[in-house]
């Protein structure tokens, strides 16, 4: 074998190893609270959640993929699907959620949308992601009924 062939083989092994390591990082969630209910304190407000899991992917600024749950639509918020605010919202959600455990307050009155995504307010340890998108003008209010949540996610 010549040096070029050996280099290609080594590069291929490196890429495969890197991909498997990255997949393991995202799928190996050791959080014992997964898929359990509980409470969090955000600021000085106690919030209840019905499910939790690691955020594996940010599809757009208001849709994420959560390990053990599937696709989650951030309820009551609508991200504009074009222009710079779309990328800003997606980057914001990626920074706050991707690879981290998220806590889901699932809408009791309408738990799924017509695309079979779970409708929820999404929390990290210290942030209400839905509310932050609205407060930072990265999304607009998209209120619908029935919903357990009051308009404005209060």
C-alpha atoms as a PDB file:
ATOM      1  CA  UNK A   1       0.000   0.000   0.000  1.00  0.00           C
ATOM      2  CA  UNK A   2       1.165   3.471  -0.744  1.00  0.00           C
ATOM      3  CA  UNK A   3       1.095   6.465   1.624  1.00  0.00           C
ATOM      4  CA  UNK A   4      -2.034   7.940  -0.015  1.00  0.00           C
ATOM      5  CA  UNK A   5      -4.074   4.753   0.545  1.00  0.00           C
ATOM      6  CA  UNK A   6      -2.933   4.500   4.161  1.00  0.00           C
ATOM      7  CA  UNK A   7      -3.811   8.164   4.732  1.00  0.00           C
ATOM      8  CA  UNK A   8      -7.305   7.643   3.318  1.00  0.00           C
ATOM      9  CA  UNK A   9      -7.876   4.587   5.508  1.00  0.00           C
ATOM     10  CA  UNK A  10      -6.696   6.426   8.632  1.00  0.00           C
ATOM     11  CA  UNK A  11      -8.841   9.456   7.794  1.00  0.00           C
ATOM     12  CA  UNK A  12     -11.887   7.212   7.313  1.00  0.00           C
ATOM     13  CA  UNK A  13     -11.278   5.520  10.676  1.00  0.00           C
ATOM     14  CA  UNK A  14     -10.899   8.929  12.340  1.00  0.00           C
ATOM     15  CA  UNK A  15     -14.166  10.229  10.846  1.00  0.00           C
ATOM     16  CA  UNK A  16     -16.110   7.107  11.855  1.00  0.00           C
ATOM     17  CA  UNK A  17     -14.684   7.226  15.389  1.00  0.00           C
ATOM     18  CA  UNK A  18     -15.527  10.919  15.707  1.00  0.00           C
ATOM     19  CA  UNK A  19     -19.089  10.354  14.489  1.00  0.00           C
ATOM     20  CA  UNK A  20     -19.650   7.503  16.949  1.00  0.00           C
ATOM     21  CA  UNK A  21     -18.222   9.540  19.818  1.00  0.00           C
ATOM     22  CA  UNK A  22     -20.486  12.484  19.001  1.00  0.00           C
ATOM     23  CA  UNK A  23     -23.542  10.216  18.755  1.00  0.00           C
ATOM     24  CA  UNK A  24     -22.681   8.710  22.140  1.00  0.00           C
ATOM     25  CA  UNK A  25     -22.414  12.151  23.745  1.00  0.00           C
ATOM     26  CA  UNK A  26     -25.923  13.066  22.596  1.00  0.00           C
ATOM     27  CA  UNK A  27     -27.565   9.728  23.367  1.00  0.00           C
ATOM     28  CA  UNK A  28     -25.860   8.944  26.671  1.00  0.00           C
ATOM     29  CA  UNK A  29     -27.976  11.040  29.006  1.00  0.00           C
ATOM     30  CA  UNK A  30     -27.322  10.055  32.612  1.00  0.00           C
ATOM     31  CA  UNK A  31     -29.977  12.358  34.052  1.00  0.00           C
ATOM     32  CA  UNK A  32     -32.130  10.209  36.355  1.00  0.00           C
ATOM     33  CA  UNK A  33     -35.105  12.574  36.073  1.00  0.00           C
ATOM     34  CA  UNK A  34     -35.871  11.669  32.472  1.00  0.00           C
ATOM     35  CA  UNK A  35     -39.506  10.964  31.674  1.00  0.00           C
ATOM     36  CA  UNK A  36     -40.628  11.864  35.170  1.00  0.00           C
ATOM     37  CA  UNK A  37     -42.670  14.715  36.491  1.00  0.00           C
ATOM     38  CA  UNK A  38     -41.217  17.296  38.803  1.00  0.00           C
ATOM     39  CA  UNK A  39     -40.771  20.957  39.600  1.00  0.00           C
ATOM     40  CA  UNK A  40     -38.213  23.618  38.788  1.00  0.00           C
ATOM     41  CA  UNK A  41     -37.695  27.062  40.201  1.00  0.00           C
ATOM     42  CA  UNK A  42     -37.142  29.699  37.515  1.00  0.00           C
ATOM     43  CA  UNK A  43     -36.467  33.073  39.088  1.00  0.00           C
ATOM     44  CA  UNK A  44     -38.845  33.031  42.016  1.00  0.00           C
ATOM     45  CA  UNK A  45     -41.551  31.034  40.227  1.00  0.00           C
ATOM     46  CA  UNK A  46     -42.066  27.293  40.698  1.00  0.00           C
ATOM     47  CA  UNK A  47     -43.042  25.471  37.510  1.00  0.00           C
ATOM     48  CA  UNK A  48     -44.207  21.903  37.029  1.00  0.00           C
ATOM     49  CA  UNK A  49     -43.103  19.694  34.181  1.00  0.00           C
ATOM     50  CA  UNK A  50     -44.479  16.405  32.883  1.00  0.00           C
ATOM     51  CA  UNK A  51     -41.487  15.113  30.960  1.00  0.00           C
ATOM     52  CA  UNK A  52     -37.789  15.717  30.414  1.00  0.00           C
ATOM     53  CA  UNK A  53     -35.067  14.599  28.046  1.00  0.00           C
ATOM     54  CA  UNK A  54     -31.937  15.649  26.207  1.00  0.00           C
ATOM     55  CA  UNK A  55     -32.426  18.021  23.278  1.00  0.00           C
ATOM     56  CA  UNK A  56     -30.895  16.154  20.332  1.00  0.00           C
ATOM     57  CA  UNK A  57     -31.718  18.597  17.543  1.00  0.00           C
ATOM     58  CA  UNK A  58     -33.082  22.071  16.957  1.00  0.00           C
ATOM     59  CA  UNK A  59     -35.269  21.893  13.870  1.00  0.00           C
ATOM     60  CA  UNK A  60     -36.136  25.591  13.865  1.00  0.00           C
ATOM     61  CA  UNK A  61     -36.697  28.340  16.399  1.00  0.00           C
ATOM     62  CA  UNK A  62     -39.759  26.698  17.910  1.00  0.00           C
ATOM     63  CA  UNK A  63     -39.364  22.967  17.203  1.00  0.00           C
ATOM     64  CA  UNK A  64     -36.862  20.654  18.863  1.00  0.00           C
ATOM     65  CA  UNK A  65     -36.190  16.918  18.974  1.00  0.00           C
ATOM     66  CA  UNK A  66     -36.077  15.521  22.513  1.00  0.00           C
ATOM     67  CA  UNK A  67     -34.698  12.102  23.378  1.00  0.00           C
ATOM     68  CA  UNK A  68     -37.494   9.825  24.614  1.00  0.00           C
ATOM     69  CA  UNK A  69     -40.217  12.297  23.604  1.00  0.00           C
ATOM     70  CA  UNK A  70     -39.820  13.059  19.890  1.00  0.00           C
ATOM     71  CA  UNK A  71     -40.539  16.369  18.217  1.00  0.00           C
ATOM     72  CA  UNK A  72     -41.641  19.153  20.522  1.00  0.00           C
ATOM     73  CA  UNK A  73     -43.351  22.323  19.318  1.00  0.00           C
ATOM     74  CA  UNK A  74     -42.837  25.252  21.674  1.00  0.00           C
ATOM     75  CA  UNK A  75     -46.419  26.223  22.367  1.00  0.00           C
ATOM     76  CA  UNK A  76     -47.850  29.729  22.015  1.00  0.00           C
ATOM     77  CA  UNK A  77     -44.880  31.068  20.029  1.00  0.00           C
ATOM     78  CA  UNK A  78     -44.462  31.451  16.288  1.00  0.00           C
ATOM     79  CA  UNK A  79     -41.065  32.041  14.746  1.00  0.00           C
ATOM     80  CA  UNK A  80     -41.043  33.843  11.419  1.00  0.00           C
ATOM     81  CA  UNK A  81     -39.870  31.197   8.927  1.00  0.00           C
ATOM     82  CA  UNK A  82     -37.674  33.520   6.823  1.00  0.00           C
ATOM     83  CA  UNK A  83     -35.219  36.347   7.234  1.00  0.00           C
ATOM     84  CA  UNK A  84     -32.639  37.068   9.908  1.00  0.00           C
ATOM     85  CA  UNK A  85     -35.012  36.555  12.845  1.00  0.00           C
ATOM     86  CA  UNK A  86     -35.439  32.898  11.828  1.00  0.00           C
ATOM     87  CA  UNK A  87     -31.706  32.253  12.210  1.00  0.00           C
ATOM     88  CA  UNK A  88     -31.511  34.319  15.398  1.00  0.00           C
ATOM     89  CA  UNK A  89     -34.344  32.304  16.973  1.00  0.00           C
ATOM     90  CA  UNK A  90     -32.827  28.987  15.909  1.00  0.00           C
ATOM     91  CA  UNK A  91     -29.399  30.019  17.223  1.00  0.00           C
ATOM     92  CA  UNK A  92     -30.942  31.168  20.527  1.00  0.00           C
ATOM     93  CA  UNK A  93     -32.760  27.853  21.024  1.00  0.00           C
ATOM     94  CA  UNK A  94     -29.633  25.910  19.992  1.00  0.00           C
ATOM     95  CA  UNK A  95     -27.487  27.797  22.510  1.00  0.00           C
ATOM     96  CA  UNK A  96     -29.979  27.247  25.332  1.00  0.00           C
ATOM     97  CA  UNK A  97     -31.153  23.691  24.579  1.00  0.00           C
ATOM     98  CA  UNK A  98     -28.982  21.625  22.248  1.00  0.00           C
ATOM     99  CA  UNK A  99     -27.269  18.777  24.084  1.00  0.00           C
ATOM    100  CA  UNK A 100     -28.871  19.784  27.388  1.00  0.00           C
ATOM    101  CA  UNK A 101     -31.708  18.352  29.423  1.00  0.00           C
ATOM    102  CA  UNK A 102     -34.944  20.220  28.776  1.00  0.00           C
ATOM    103  CA  UNK A 103     -38.058  20.071  30.921  1.00  0.00           C
ATOM    104  CA  UNK A 104     -41.465  20.025  29.257  1.00  0.00           C
ATOM    105  CA  UNK A 105     -44.679  21.457  30.651  1.00  0.00           C
ATOM    106  CA  UNK A 106     -46.960  19.699  28.173  1.00  0.00           C
ATOM    107  CA  UNK A 107     -50.259  21.392  27.339  1.00  0.00           C
ATOM    108  CA  UNK A 108     -52.866  19.297  29.187  1.00  0.00           C
ATOM    109  CA  UNK A 109     -55.743  20.524  27.018  1.00  0.00           C
ATOM    110  CA  UNK A 110     -53.960  19.947  23.683  1.00  0.00           C
ATOM    111  CA  UNK A 111     -50.884  17.751  24.146  1.00  0.00           C
ATOM    112  CA  UNK A 112     -50.216  17.209  20.406  1.00  0.00           C
ATOM    113  CA  UNK A 113     -50.614  19.293  17.262  1.00  0.00           C
ATOM    114  CA  UNK A 114     -51.861  18.090  13.874  1.00  0.00           C
ATOM    115  CA  UNK A 115     -48.290  17.020  12.984  1.00  0.00           C
ATOM    116  CA  UNK A 116     -48.113  14.802  16.113  1.00  0.00           C
ATOM    117  CA  UNK A 117     -45.569  17.075  17.813  1.00  0.00           C
ATOM    118  CA  UNK A 118     -45.805  17.450  21.573  1.00  0.00           C
ATOM    119  CA  UNK A 119     -46.981  20.970  22.499  1.00  0.00           C
ATOM    120  CA  UNK A 120     -45.110  22.286  25.524  1.00  0.00           C
ATOM    121  CA  UNK A 121     -43.493  25.141  27.328  1.00  0.00           C
ATOM    122  CA  UNK A 122     -39.793  24.230  27.335  1.00  0.00           C
ATOM    123  CA  UNK A 123     -37.528  24.972  30.287  1.00  0.00           C
ATOM    124  CA  UNK A 124     -33.856  24.545  30.948  1.00  0.00           C
ATOM    125  CA  UNK A 125     -32.550  24.686  34.518  1.00  0.00           C
ATOM    126  CA  UNK A 126     -32.945  28.472  34.619  1.00  0.00           C
ATOM    127  CA  UNK A 127     -34.912  29.614  31.548  1.00  0.00           C
ATOM    128  CA  UNK A 128     -38.420  29.503  30.136  1.00  0.00           C
ATOM    129  CA  UNK A 129     -37.411  29.191  26.466  1.00  0.00           C
ATOM    130  CA  UNK A 130     -40.869  30.054  25.096  1.00  0.00           C
ATOM    131  CA  UNK A 131     -41.067  33.266  27.139  1.00  0.00           C
ATOM    132  CA  UNK A 132     -37.485  34.272  26.291  1.00  0.00           C
ATOM    133  CA  UNK A 133     -38.210  33.952  22.560  1.00  0.00           C
ATOM    134  CA  UNK A 134     -41.122  36.361  23.001  1.00  0.00           C
ATOM    135  CA  UNK A 135     -39.284  38.736  25.346  1.00  0.00           C
ATOM    136  CA  UNK A 136     -36.330  38.985  22.941  1.00  0.00           C
ATOM    137  CA  UNK A 137     -38.591  39.610  19.914  1.00  0.00           C
ATOM    138  CA  UNK A 138     -37.398  36.397  18.273  1.00  0.00           C
ATOM    139  CA  UNK A 139     -40.972  35.117  17.974  1.00  0.00           C
ATOM    140  CA  UNK A 140     -44.506  36.424  18.086  1.00  0.00           C
ATOM    141  CA  UNK A 141     -47.408  35.279  20.224  1.00  0.00           C
ATOM    142  CA  UNK A 142     -49.447  32.509  18.605  1.00  0.00           C
ATOM    143  CA  UNK A 143     -52.267  31.880  21.034  1.00  0.00           C
ATOM    144  CA  UNK A 144     -54.761  29.125  20.344  1.00  0.00           C
ATOM    145  CA  UNK A 145     -57.470  27.319  22.232  1.00  0.00           C
ATOM    146  CA  UNK A 146     -57.936  24.948  23.867  1.00  0.00           C
ATOM    147  CA  UNK A 147     -54.831  25.472  25.941  1.00  0.00           C
ATOM    148  CA  UNK A 148     -54.002  25.206  29.617  1.00  0.00           C
ATOM    149  CA  UNK A 149     -51.704  28.222  29.257  1.00  0.00           C
ATOM    150  CA  UNK A 150     -52.890  31.790  29.528  1.00  0.00           C
ATOM    151  CA  UNK A 151     -52.103  34.173  26.711  1.00  0.00           C
ATOM    152  CA  UNK A 152     -48.550  35.412  27.188  1.00  0.00           C
ATOM    153  CA  UNK A 153     -47.469  32.195  28.976  1.00  0.00           C
ATOM    154  CA  UNK A 154     -48.082  33.673  32.430  1.00  0.00           C
END
